[in-house]
Amino acid sequence: MSTPYQQPGSYASPIPVRGASLGDALLSEWTKIRSVRSTMWTLGVMIVLMLGIGLGVAALVSAAGESAGIADSSALGMGFFGVLPGSICVMTLGVLTIASEYSTGMIRTTLTACPSRGRVLAAKATVFFLLVLTITTLVAGLVAVIQNAMVEAVEPTGDEWLRASVGVGLYTASLGLLSLAVGAMIRHSAGAITTMIGVMLLPLVAAMFMFSESLQDLQKFLLEWAIPSQLIGIYGEAASGGSSGPLGWEPVWIMLGISVVALGGAYATMSSRDV
C-alpha cells in the first residue's frame, strides 16, 4: 500500500485530514450555543417572563371574574403579555450567537476550521432556530393550557391552540433569526441589540406622536404592522381588538420571509469581508 510523500523531518498526523462538512458545523454550533452562559441566561429569563407574566395576567383576569370581559372569547390571547418581553430575550440571544464571536475574535477560528461562510451561517441559523422554536413552543403551549384552565372563557379551537403554541414559537424563532442576521451584518453586539429593539418598539412610539390628520394613514399602518401588533395578531382577531392588520398565521409567514431575506443579506455581507 502506498503512503503519502513526507519530507524528511516533517510531522505526519495520524488523524485523517478532511474538509469540514455541514454536519461538523452543526455539531460545532450546538456545542457553542449550549456551552456559553448567555444561552442559559437569556432563555432562562425568557421562560420566567413567559410563565410569570402569562400566569400572573391569567390570575388577575380570573380574580376579576365577569368584569374582565373575556367570557366571549378565548383565554389564550393573554399569553401575549409574557411572550412580548420574552421575545426581547430571544432577540438578544440571536445577536449574541454571532456578534459575540466578532467581539472576541473567535470568528477567525470558526472560519479557519470551516472557511465556507455560507455553511457557518447556515449552521448557526439552523441550531439557533430549532433550539428557540422547541423551547418557546413548549413554554407557550404550557402557558396556554394553564391559562385556559384558570379563566372561564370560550373553549379554543384546534387552530387557536396550534397558533398559541407552534405559531408563537415559529414567530419568535423567526424574530431571533432576524436578530442573528442583523448581528452578522453589524458585527457589534450592543449596536445590533439596540437596532432590533428599535425595530420592535420605534414604530409604535412614532405612531403615538403622529397627531396630524395627514399622518393618520401612516399611523394606522405602523400600529397594525409593528412587531407587537403582529405578535398579538397570531392569537386572532378577538385578541387584537379587531385590527385589520395581519392575523392568524399571516404574521408568522411574514416574519419568516423577512428573516430569510435578512439572512441572505447577512451572507452577502459576510462574503464581502475578510473576516
Foldseek 3Di string as FASTA:
>chain_A
DDDDDDDPPDDDDPDDDDADDLVNLLVVLLCVLVPDVLNVVLLVVLLCLLQVQLVVVLQVLLVVACVSVAAADAQLLSSLRSLVVSLLSLLLSLLCSPLVCLVVVVVVVVCVRHVQPVSNLVSSLVSSLVVQLVSQLVSQLVSSVVSRVRGNHDDDDPLLSCLSRNVSSLLSSLLSLLSNLLSLQVSHSVVSSVVSVCQQPVLQVVLVPPPDPVCPVVSLCSVCPHPSNLSSQCNHCVSSVNRPHDHHNVSSVVSNVVSVVSSVVSSVNVVVDPD
